[in-house]
Amino acid sequence: MTPPDSSSPPGDPGVQGIAFTLEGVDDPTFSQILRDLRTDPAFARPLQVQAQPPQPGRSARLTLVFPPADRELAVGATQRLKTLLLRYGVQVDTVRIPGS
């Protein structure tokens, strides 16, 4: 897994995002991760998770999107996401949070 990147998602200057590239994650595992995310209260609104499934030649990607006022919620959700990913054998080495 490559380190997440902290940037504003395209199209909305009022939000920030923490992107996770999930190298080596296959479709079934990605589906399981998404199912866990949907049922975990750490990822409830106002946070949003944008997902790009794996495709040939491109790794799966998850982006945690949040308004700047919800930074603390996003930090907590990032920690929860790291824990969830470890359940599937995906190691997260570095996380950069916007504004840190």
Protein backbone atom coordinates (compact mmCIF):
# COMPACT_ATOMS: atom_id res chain seq x y z
CA MET A 1 0.00 0.00 0.00
CA THR A 2 1.34 3.42 -0.84
CA PRO A 3 1.07 6.22 1.70
CA PRO A 4 -2.22 8.09 1.67
CA ASP A 5 -2.21 11.50 0.08
CA SER A 6 -3.90 14.47 1.69
CA SER A 7 -5.44 16.82 -0.79
CA SER A 8 -8.68 18.45 -1.77
CA PRO A 9 -10.86 16.18 -3.88
CA PRO A 10 -11.44 17.60 -7.33
CA GLY A 11 -14.54 19.69 -7.84
CA ASP A 12 -15.16 20.86 -4.27
CA PRO A 13 -12.73 23.37 -2.79
CA GLY A 14 -14.55 23.26 0.58
CA VAL A 15 -13.60 19.67 1.42
CA GLN A 16 -10.42 17.78 2.13
CA GLY A 17 -9.56 14.18 1.48
CA ILE A 18 -7.24 11.45 2.68
CA ALA A 19 -6.61 8.95 -0.10
CA PHE A 20 -5.51 5.35 0.43
CA THR A 21 -4.13 3.36 -2.50
CA LEU A 22 -4.70 -0.32 -1.81
CA GLU A 23 -2.02 -2.11 -3.80
CA GLY A 24 -2.60 -5.80 -4.36
CA VAL A 25 -6.19 -5.81 -3.09
CA ASP A 26 -8.44 -7.96 -5.28
CA ASP A 27 -12.15 -7.45 -6.06
CA PRO A 28 -13.53 -9.83 -3.39
CA THR A 29 -11.36 -8.30 -0.66
CA PHE A 30 -12.24 -4.77 -1.79
CA SER A 31 -15.95 -5.68 -1.62
CA GLN A 32 -15.49 -7.00 1.92
CA ILE A 33 -13.70 -3.81 2.96
CA LEU A 34 -16.52 -1.68 1.52
CA ARG A 35 -19.13 -3.79 3.31
CA ASP A 36 -17.32 -3.22 6.61
CA LEU A 37 -17.06 0.52 5.93
CA ARG A 38 -20.79 0.81 5.25
CA THR A 39 -21.68 -0.75 8.60
CA ASP A 40 -19.10 1.02 10.75
CA PRO A 41 -20.39 4.16 12.52
CA ALA A 42 -16.92 5.78 12.28
CA PHE A 43 -17.65 6.47 8.59
CA ALA A 44 -21.12 8.02 9.00
CA ARG A 45 -22.00 11.47 7.72
CA PRO A 46 -20.67 14.13 7.59
CA LEU A 47 -17.73 11.97 6.46
CA GLN A 48 -17.86 10.40 3.02
CA VAL A 49 -15.89 7.51 1.58
CA GLN A 50 -15.23 7.54 -2.15
CA ALA A 51 -14.22 4.17 -3.58
CA GLN A 52 -12.49 3.16 -6.80
CA PRO A 53 -12.37 -0.63 -7.23
CA PRO A 54 -9.26 -2.34 -8.56
CA GLN A 55 -8.97 -2.56 -12.33
CA PRO A 56 -6.32 -4.06 -14.57
CA GLY A 57 -3.25 -1.87 -14.23
CA ARG A 58 -4.72 0.24 -11.41
CA SER A 59 -4.88 -0.37 -7.67
CA ALA A 60 -8.03 0.08 -5.64
CA ARG A 61 -8.38 3.43 -3.90
CA LEU A 62 -10.40 4.72 -0.95
CA THR A 63 -10.67 8.42 -0.16
CA LEU A 64 -12.04 9.71 3.12
CA VAL A 65 -13.64 13.07 2.29
CA PHE A 66 -14.57 15.65 4.92
CA PRO A 67 -15.15 19.36 5.44
CA PRO A 68 -12.35 21.10 7.38
CA ALA A 69 -14.64 21.55 10.40
CA ASP A 70 -14.88 17.74 10.74
CA ARG A 71 -11.13 17.14 10.81
CA GLU A 72 -11.24 15.41 14.22
CA LEU A 73 -13.90 12.98 13.00
CA ALA A 74 -11.76 12.26 9.95
CA VAL A 75 -8.68 11.57 12.07
CA GLY A 76 -10.65 9.06 14.15
CA ALA A 77 -12.09 7.46 11.02
CA THR A 78 -8.60 7.22 9.51
CA GLN A 79 -7.39 5.29 12.54
CA ARG A 80 -10.44 3.01 12.29
CA LEU A 81 -9.79 2.48 8.58
CA LYS A 82 -6.19 1.49 9.29
CA THR A 83 -7.45 -1.10 11.79
CA LEU A 84 -10.04 -2.41 9.34
CA LEU A 85 -7.45 -2.70 6.56
CA LEU A 86 -5.12 -4.66 8.82
CA ARG A 87 -7.92 -7.22 9.22
CA TYR A 88 -7.48 -7.88 5.49
CA GLY A 89 -3.69 -7.87 5.56
CA VAL A 90 -3.28 -4.34 4.14
CA GLN A 91 -0.54 -2.47 6.02
CA VAL A 92 -0.69 1.34 6.35
CA ASP A 93 2.70 2.87 7.01
CA THR A 94 2.13 6.62 6.80
CA VAL A 95 -0.88 8.89 7.09
CA ARG A 96 -0.75 12.62 6.39
CA ILE A 97 -3.75 14.60 7.58
CA PRO A 98 -4.51 17.98 5.92
CA GLY A 99 -3.56 20.81 8.24
CA SER A 100 -1.04 18.72 10.23
